[in-house]
């Protein structure tokens, strides 16, 4: 019998703490699915999720991040149209000017009131959960 498991991924909601309102960084994806996304990617074999999060942030936006907390795991089988993934989402801080790298076509800095509408994957849900937590201290309900 062979087993099929979801692929582990990380997403990093990065607040730029050296700017007013602590905006977040999103990347514009170069590869399908196209649109805007929270920086992140696949966890390599033999790598912890924390190291993967720091590596992906450096590869995609060129900034060293400080991981503040593990936010939630998102695992809906339909969250990624390419395959079943489960993402450990981290909240992180950084300073400096993000630059698009790796599979990022572009990078943007956004406050809560101006996030683009064409978000990939389930990142609209993740960001709604994040803003509610950031502004009201309410963690998302499981399930």
N, C-alpha and C. Protein backbone atom coordinates (compact mmCIF):
# COMPACT_ATOMS: atom_id res chain seq x y z
N UNK A 1 0.84 -1.18 0.00
CA UNK A 1 0.00 0.00 0.00
C UNK A 1 0.89 1.24 0.00
N UNK A 2 0.55 2.19 -0.86
CA UNK A 2 1.30 3.45 -0.86
C UNK A 2 0.42 4.56 -0.27
N UNK A 3 1.08 5.46 0.40
CA UNK A 3 0.38 6.57 1.04
C UNK A 3 0.65 7.86 0.29
N UNK A 4 -0.36 8.70 0.22
CA UNK A 4 -0.21 10.03 -0.35
C UNK A 4 -0.47 11.02 0.77
N UNK A 5 0.44 11.93 0.93
CA UNK A 5 0.34 12.91 2.00
C UNK A 5 0.38 14.32 1.43
N UNK A 6 -0.23 15.28 2.13
CA UNK A 6 -0.11 16.67 1.70
C UNK A 6 1.34 17.12 1.77
N UNK A 7 1.70 18.03 0.88
CA UNK A 7 3.05 18.59 0.90
C UNK A 7 3.11 19.72 1.93
N UNK A 8 4.14 19.71 2.79
CA UNK A 8 4.26 20.78 3.77
C UNK A 8 4.79 22.07 3.15
N UNK A 9 4.15 23.18 3.49
CA UNK A 9 4.58 24.50 3.03
C UNK A 9 4.58 25.47 4.20
N UNK A 10 5.14 26.63 3.97
CA UNK A 10 5.10 27.73 4.93
C UNK A 10 4.63 28.99 4.21
N UNK A 11 3.95 29.85 4.93
CA UNK A 11 3.62 31.19 4.48
C UNK A 11 4.02 32.13 5.59
N UNK A 12 4.56 33.30 5.22
CA UNK A 12 5.08 34.23 6.22
C UNK A 12 4.43 35.60 6.02
N UNK A 13 3.60 35.98 6.97
CA UNK A 13 3.01 37.32 6.96
C UNK A 13 4.04 38.23 7.61
N UNK A 14 4.64 39.09 6.78
CA UNK A 14 5.78 39.90 7.21
C UNK A 14 5.35 41.35 7.38
N UNK A 15 5.42 41.83 8.61
CA UNK A 15 5.13 43.24 8.90
C UNK A 15 6.43 44.02 8.82
N UNK A 16 6.40 45.13 8.09
CA UNK A 16 7.57 46.02 8.02
C UNK A 16 7.46 47.01 9.17
N UNK A 17 8.21 46.74 10.23
CA UNK A 17 8.08 47.50 11.47
C UNK A 17 8.79 48.85 11.44
N UNK A 18 9.51 49.14 10.35
CA UNK A 18 10.16 50.44 10.23
C UNK A 18 9.33 51.42 9.41
N UNK A 19 8.06 51.10 9.17
CA UNK A 19 7.16 51.96 8.40
C UNK A 19 5.89 52.23 9.19
N UNK A 20 5.26 53.37 8.93
CA UNK A 20 3.99 53.65 9.61
C UNK A 20 2.95 52.58 9.30
N UNK A 21 2.13 52.24 10.27
CA UNK A 21 1.03 51.28 10.16
C UNK A 21 1.50 49.83 9.99
N UNK A 22 2.80 49.58 10.05
CA UNK A 22 3.35 48.22 9.92
C UNK A 22 2.71 47.46 8.74
N UNK A 23 2.91 47.94 7.51
CA UNK A 23 2.31 47.25 6.35
C UNK A 23 2.94 45.88 6.16
N UNK A 24 2.26 45.05 5.37
CA UNK A 24 2.77 43.70 5.08
C UNK A 24 3.31 43.64 3.66
N UNK A 25 4.12 42.62 3.41
CA UNK A 25 4.73 42.40 2.11
C UNK A 25 4.00 41.26 1.41
N UNK A 26 3.63 41.49 0.16
CA UNK A 26 3.08 40.43 -0.69
C UNK A 26 3.94 40.36 -1.95
N UNK A 27 3.95 39.18 -2.56
CA UNK A 27 4.67 39.01 -3.82
C UNK A 27 3.66 38.82 -4.95
N UNK A 28 4.04 39.28 -6.13
CA UNK A 28 3.27 38.98 -7.33
C UNK A 28 3.94 37.77 -7.96
N UNK A 29 3.18 36.68 -8.10
CA UNK A 29 3.75 35.42 -8.55
C UNK A 29 4.13 35.46 -10.02
N UNK A 30 5.29 34.86 -10.31
CA UNK A 30 5.80 34.75 -11.68
C UNK A 30 5.25 33.49 -12.36
N UNK A 31 4.94 32.46 -11.57
CA UNK A 31 4.46 31.18 -12.10
C UNK A 31 3.01 30.94 -11.69
N UNK A 32 2.28 30.14 -12.47
CA UNK A 32 0.89 29.83 -12.10
C UNK A 32 0.83 29.11 -10.75
N UNK A 33 -0.19 29.38 -9.97
CA UNK A 33 -1.26 30.33 -10.26
C UNK A 33 -0.78 31.77 -10.11
N UNK A 34 -1.19 32.61 -11.05
CA UNK A 34 -0.76 34.01 -11.07
C UNK A 34 -1.60 34.85 -10.12
N UNK A 35 -1.03 35.93 -9.68
CA UNK A 35 -1.70 36.84 -8.75
C UNK A 35 -0.77 37.19 -7.61
N UNK A 36 -1.33 37.78 -6.57
CA UNK A 36 -0.57 38.18 -5.38
C UNK A 36 -0.63 37.09 -4.33
N UNK A 37 0.43 36.97 -3.55
CA UNK A 37 0.50 35.91 -2.55
C UNK A 37 1.34 36.35 -1.35
N UNK A 38 1.06 35.72 -0.24
CA UNK A 38 1.92 35.85 0.94
C UNK A 38 3.23 35.14 0.61
N UNK A 39 4.38 35.71 0.93
CA UNK A 39 5.64 35.00 0.66
C UNK A 39 5.65 33.63 1.36
N UNK A 40 6.21 32.66 0.67
CA UNK A 40 6.28 31.31 1.25
C UNK A 40 6.64 30.29 0.20
N UNK A 41 6.58 29.03 0.60
CA UNK A 41 6.89 27.96 -0.33
C UNK A 41 7.01 26.63 0.37
N UNK A 42 7.53 25.67 -0.35
CA UNK A 42 7.63 24.30 0.13
C UNK A 42 8.77 24.13 1.13
N UNK A 43 8.54 23.27 2.10
CA UNK A 43 9.56 22.90 3.09
C UNK A 43 10.42 21.82 2.45
N UNK A 44 11.73 22.01 2.47
CA UNK A 44 12.65 21.02 1.93
C UNK A 44 12.79 19.85 2.90
N UNK A 45 13.10 18.68 2.33
CA UNK A 45 13.33 17.50 3.15
C UNK A 45 14.51 17.77 4.10
N UNK A 46 14.34 17.44 5.38
CA UNK A 46 15.39 17.66 6.36
C UNK A 46 15.43 19.06 6.94
N UNK A 47 14.45 19.89 6.59
CA UNK A 47 14.42 21.28 7.02
C UNK A 47 13.25 21.50 7.98
N UNK A 48 13.46 22.27 9.02
CA UNK A 48 12.36 22.61 9.92
C UNK A 48 11.50 23.69 9.26
N UNK A 49 10.26 23.82 9.71
CA UNK A 49 9.38 24.85 9.14
C UNK A 49 9.90 26.25 9.44
N UNK A 50 10.54 26.43 10.59
CA UNK A 50 11.09 27.74 10.94
C UNK A 50 12.22 28.14 9.98
N UNK A 51 13.10 27.21 9.69
CA UNK A 51 14.19 27.49 8.75
C UNK A 51 13.63 27.71 7.35
N UNK A 52 12.63 26.91 6.97
CA UNK A 52 12.01 27.08 5.65
C UNK A 52 11.39 28.47 5.53
N UNK A 53 10.74 28.96 6.59
CA UNK A 53 10.12 30.28 6.55
C UNK A 53 11.18 31.36 6.36
N UNK A 54 12.26 31.29 7.10
CA UNK A 54 13.33 32.28 6.95
C UNK A 54 13.96 32.22 5.56
N UNK A 55 14.19 31.00 5.07
CA UNK A 55 14.79 30.82 3.74
C UNK A 55 13.87 31.38 2.65
N UNK A 56 12.58 31.03 2.72
CA UNK A 56 11.65 31.50 1.69
C UNK A 56 11.53 33.02 1.69
N UNK A 57 11.51 33.63 2.88
CA UNK A 57 11.45 35.10 2.94
C UNK A 57 12.68 35.70 2.27
N UNK A 58 13.84 35.16 2.56
CA UNK A 58 15.08 35.69 1.96
C UNK A 58 15.07 35.48 0.44
N UNK A 59 14.65 34.29 -0.02
CA UNK A 59 14.64 34.01 -1.45
C UNK A 59 13.64 34.88 -2.20
N UNK A 60 12.47 35.11 -1.62
CA UNK A 60 11.40 35.78 -2.35
C UNK A 60 11.41 37.30 -2.22
N UNK A 61 11.84 37.83 -1.06
CA UNK A 61 11.81 39.29 -0.90
C UNK A 61 13.14 39.87 -0.43
N UNK A 62 14.15 39.03 -0.23
CA UNK A 62 15.48 39.52 0.09
C UNK A 62 15.63 40.14 1.47
N UNK A 63 14.74 39.80 2.41
CA UNK A 63 14.84 40.35 3.76
C UNK A 63 14.98 39.24 4.79
N UNK A 64 15.83 39.47 5.77
CA UNK A 64 15.91 38.58 6.93
C UNK A 64 14.72 38.91 7.82
N UNK A 65 13.99 37.89 8.25
CA UNK A 65 12.81 38.11 9.08
C UNK A 65 13.04 37.56 10.47
N UNK A 66 12.34 38.16 11.41
CA UNK A 66 12.27 37.61 12.76
C UNK A 66 10.90 36.97 12.91
N UNK A 67 10.88 35.67 13.14
CA UNK A 67 9.61 34.98 13.33
C UNK A 67 9.07 35.34 14.71
N UNK A 68 7.85 35.87 14.74
CA UNK A 68 7.25 36.32 15.99
C UNK A 68 6.42 35.21 16.62
N UNK A 69 5.60 34.55 15.79
CA UNK A 69 4.80 33.44 16.30
C UNK A 69 4.28 32.59 15.15
N UNK A 70 3.97 31.35 15.50
CA UNK A 70 3.28 30.47 14.57
C UNK A 70 1.80 30.80 14.69
N UNK A 71 1.18 31.16 13.57
CA UNK A 71 -0.19 31.64 13.59
C UNK A 71 -1.19 30.49 13.55
N UNK A 72 -1.23 29.75 12.46
CA UNK A 72 -2.19 28.66 12.29
C UNK A 72 -1.70 27.78 11.16
N UNK A 73 -2.26 26.58 11.07
CA UNK A 73 -2.00 25.68 9.94
C UNK A 73 -3.26 25.67 9.08
N UNK A 74 -3.09 25.90 7.79
CA UNK A 74 -4.19 25.86 6.83
C UNK A 74 -3.99 24.63 5.96
N UNK A 75 -5.02 23.77 5.88
CA UNK A 75 -4.83 22.48 5.23
C UNK A 75 -5.99 22.03 4.35
N UNK A 76 -6.89 22.93 3.99
CA UNK A 76 -7.99 22.55 3.11
C UNK A 76 -7.40 21.92 1.84
N UNK A 77 -7.85 20.72 1.47
CA UNK A 77 -7.28 20.05 0.29
C UNK A 77 -7.38 20.87 -0.99
N UNK A 78 -8.28 21.83 -1.06
CA UNK A 78 -8.43 22.63 -2.28
C UNK A 78 -7.70 23.97 -2.20
N UNK A 79 -6.88 24.18 -1.17
CA UNK A 79 -6.23 25.49 -0.98
C UNK A 79 -5.22 25.82 -2.09
N UNK A 80 -4.64 24.81 -2.70
CA UNK A 80 -3.67 25.00 -3.78
C UNK A 80 -4.14 24.17 -4.97
N UNK A 81 -4.41 24.80 -6.12
CA UNK A 81 -4.92 24.04 -7.27
C UNK A 81 -3.92 23.04 -7.85
N UNK A 82 -2.66 23.16 -7.51
CA UNK A 82 -1.64 22.27 -8.06
C UNK A 82 -1.58 20.92 -7.36
N UNK A 83 -1.78 20.94 -6.04
CA UNK A 83 -1.72 19.72 -5.25
C UNK A 83 -2.19 20.01 -3.83
N UNK A 84 -2.43 18.96 -3.05
CA UNK A 84 -2.84 19.13 -1.67
C UNK A 84 -1.63 19.56 -0.85
N UNK A 85 -1.73 20.73 -0.24
CA UNK A 85 -0.66 21.23 0.62
C UNK A 85 -1.24 21.58 1.98
N UNK A 86 -0.38 21.64 2.96
CA UNK A 86 -0.76 22.19 4.27
C UNK A 86 0.31 23.20 4.64
N UNK A 87 -0.15 24.39 5.00
CA UNK A 87 0.78 25.48 5.24
C UNK A 87 0.80 25.88 6.71
N UNK A 88 2.01 25.94 7.26
CA UNK A 88 2.23 26.51 8.58
C UNK A 88 2.45 28.00 8.34
N UNK A 89 1.55 28.83 8.88
CA UNK A 89 1.64 30.27 8.67
C UNK A 89 2.31 30.92 9.87
N UNK A 90 3.33 31.72 9.58
CA UNK A 90 4.06 32.44 10.61
C UNK A 90 3.78 33.93 10.51
N UNK A 91 3.80 34.60 11.65
CA UNK A 91 3.81 36.05 11.70
C UNK A 91 5.26 36.45 11.95
N UNK A 92 5.73 37.43 11.18
CA UNK A 92 7.13 37.82 11.26
C UNK A 92 7.26 39.33 11.10
N UNK A 93 8.42 39.83 11.49
CA UNK A 93 8.74 41.24 11.30
C UNK A 93 10.03 41.36 10.52
N UNK A 94 10.18 42.52 9.85
CA UNK A 94 11.40 42.80 9.11
C UNK A 94 11.52 44.31 8.96
N UNK A 95 12.70 44.73 8.57
CA UNK A 95 12.94 46.13 8.23
C UNK A 95 13.67 46.16 6.90
N UNK A 96 13.57 47.28 6.22
CA UNK A 96 14.30 47.42 4.96
C UNK A 96 13.37 47.43 3.76
N UNK A 97 13.99 47.36 2.59
CA UNK A 97 13.27 47.44 1.32
C UNK A 97 13.20 46.06 0.68
N UNK A 98 12.00 45.48 0.59
CA UNK A 98 11.88 44.16 -0.05
C UNK A 98 12.14 44.25 -1.55
N UNK A 99 12.79 43.22 -2.08
CA UNK A 99 13.08 43.14 -3.51
C UNK A 99 12.60 41.79 -4.03
N UNK A 100 11.96 41.79 -5.17
CA UNK A 100 11.44 40.55 -5.76
C UNK A 100 12.59 39.63 -6.16
N UNK A 101 12.49 38.37 -5.77
CA UNK A 101 13.48 37.37 -6.13
C UNK A 101 12.82 36.03 -6.33
N UNK A 102 13.58 34.99 -6.61
CA UNK A 102 13.10 33.62 -6.75
C UNK A 102 11.95 33.59 -7.76
N UNK A 103 10.76 33.11 -7.37
CA UNK A 103 9.65 33.04 -8.32
C UNK A 103 8.70 34.24 -8.20
N UNK A 104 9.19 35.33 -7.63
CA UNK A 104 8.37 36.54 -7.50
C UNK A 104 8.62 37.45 -8.70
N UNK A 105 7.55 37.82 -9.40
CA UNK A 105 7.64 38.76 -10.51
C UNK A 105 7.73 40.18 -9.98
N UNK A 106 7.09 40.40 -8.85
CA UNK A 106 7.09 41.72 -8.24
C UNK A 106 6.85 41.61 -6.76
N UNK A 107 7.00 42.72 -6.06
CA UNK A 107 6.77 42.75 -4.62
C UNK A 107 5.98 44.03 -4.33
N UNK A 108 5.08 43.93 -3.35
CA UNK A 108 4.29 45.09 -2.97
C UNK A 108 4.19 45.20 -1.46
N UNK A 109 3.98 46.43 -1.01
CA UNK A 109 3.83 46.71 0.41
C UNK A 109 2.42 47.24 0.60
N UNK A 110 1.66 46.60 1.51
CA UNK A 110 0.24 46.90 1.61
C UNK A 110 -0.22 47.08 3.06
N UNK A 111 -1.06 48.10 3.27
CA UNK A 111 -1.78 48.25 4.53
C UNK A 111 -3.08 47.46 4.40
N UNK A 112 -3.76 47.27 5.51
CA UNK A 112 -4.96 46.43 5.52
C UNK A 112 -6.05 46.94 4.59
N UNK A 113 -6.09 48.23 4.34
CA UNK A 113 -7.18 48.80 3.55
C UNK A 113 -6.89 48.82 2.05
N UNK A 114 -5.74 48.31 1.62
CA UNK A 114 -5.44 48.36 0.18
C UNK A 114 -4.80 47.08 -0.35
N UNK A 115 -5.15 45.94 0.23
CA UNK A 115 -4.64 44.65 -0.25
C UNK A 115 -5.28 44.34 -1.60
N UNK A 116 -4.50 43.87 -2.58
CA UNK A 116 -5.08 43.57 -3.89
C UNK A 116 -6.12 42.46 -3.82
N UNK A 117 -7.04 42.48 -4.75
CA UNK A 117 -8.13 41.51 -4.76
C UNK A 117 -7.77 40.17 -5.37
N UNK A 118 -6.77 40.13 -6.23
CA UNK A 118 -6.44 38.88 -6.92
C UNK A 118 -5.37 38.09 -6.16
N UNK A 119 -5.76 37.61 -4.96
CA UNK A 119 -4.85 36.80 -4.14
C UNK A 119 -4.93 35.34 -4.55
N UNK A 120 -3.79 34.66 -4.50
CA UNK A 120 -3.72 33.24 -4.86
C UNK A 120 -4.07 32.36 -3.68
N UNK A 121 -4.30 31.10 -4.01
CA UNK A 121 -4.51 30.06 -3.00
C UNK A 121 -5.65 30.48 -2.06
N UNK A 122 -5.47 30.27 -0.76
CA UNK A 122 -6.46 30.68 0.23
C UNK A 122 -5.95 31.91 0.99
N UNK A 123 -5.10 32.70 0.36
CA UNK A 123 -4.46 33.80 1.05
C UNK A 123 -5.44 34.92 1.43
N UNK A 124 -6.58 35.02 0.74
CA UNK A 124 -7.59 35.97 1.19
C UNK A 124 -8.13 35.58 2.56
N UNK A 125 -8.39 34.29 2.77
CA UNK A 125 -8.87 33.81 4.07
C UNK A 125 -7.79 33.99 5.14
N UNK A 126 -6.56 33.63 4.81
CA UNK A 126 -5.46 33.77 5.77
C UNK A 126 -5.33 35.23 6.20
N UNK A 127 -5.37 36.15 5.24
CA UNK A 127 -5.21 37.57 5.57
C UNK A 127 -6.41 38.10 6.35
N UNK A 128 -7.62 37.65 6.03
CA UNK A 128 -8.78 38.06 6.85
C UNK A 128 -8.58 37.61 8.29
N UNK A 129 -8.14 36.36 8.48
CA UNK A 129 -7.88 35.85 9.83
C UNK A 129 -6.79 36.67 10.53
N UNK A 130 -5.75 36.98 9.79
CA UNK A 130 -4.63 37.76 10.34
C UNK A 130 -5.07 39.16 10.76
N UNK A 131 -5.79 39.87 9.88
CA UNK A 131 -6.20 41.24 10.23
C UNK A 131 -7.10 41.22 11.46
N UNK A 132 -7.99 40.27 11.54
CA UNK A 132 -8.89 40.16 12.71
C UNK A 132 -8.06 39.93 13.99
N UNK A 133 -7.05 39.09 13.88
CA UNK A 133 -6.18 38.82 15.02
C UNK A 133 -5.35 40.05 15.36
N UNK A 134 -4.77 40.69 14.36
CA UNK A 134 -3.90 41.85 14.59
C UNK A 134 -4.66 43.03 15.20
N UNK A 135 -5.84 43.30 14.68
CA UNK A 135 -6.57 44.49 15.13
C UNK A 135 -7.47 44.25 16.33
N UNK A 136 -7.96 43.02 16.49
CA UNK A 136 -8.92 42.74 17.57
C UNK A 136 -8.47 41.66 18.54
N UNK A 137 -7.34 41.03 18.28
CA UNK A 137 -6.83 39.98 19.17
C UNK A 137 -7.62 38.70 19.13
N UNK A 138 -8.42 38.51 18.10
CA UNK A 138 -9.27 37.32 17.99
C UNK A 138 -8.60 36.30 17.06
N UNK A 139 -8.25 35.17 17.65
CA UNK A 139 -7.64 34.10 16.85
C UNK A 139 -8.73 33.39 16.06
N UNK A 140 -8.40 32.88 14.87
CA UNK A 140 -9.39 32.15 14.07
C UNK A 140 -9.85 30.89 14.80
N UNK A 141 -11.09 30.54 14.55
CA UNK A 141 -11.63 29.29 15.11
C UNK A 141 -11.19 28.13 14.26
N UNK A 142 -10.87 27.03 14.89
CA UNK A 142 -10.45 25.84 14.15
C UNK A 142 -11.66 25.15 13.55
N UNK A 143 -11.41 24.53 12.38
CA UNK A 143 -12.48 23.76 11.76
C UNK A 143 -13.16 24.46 10.75
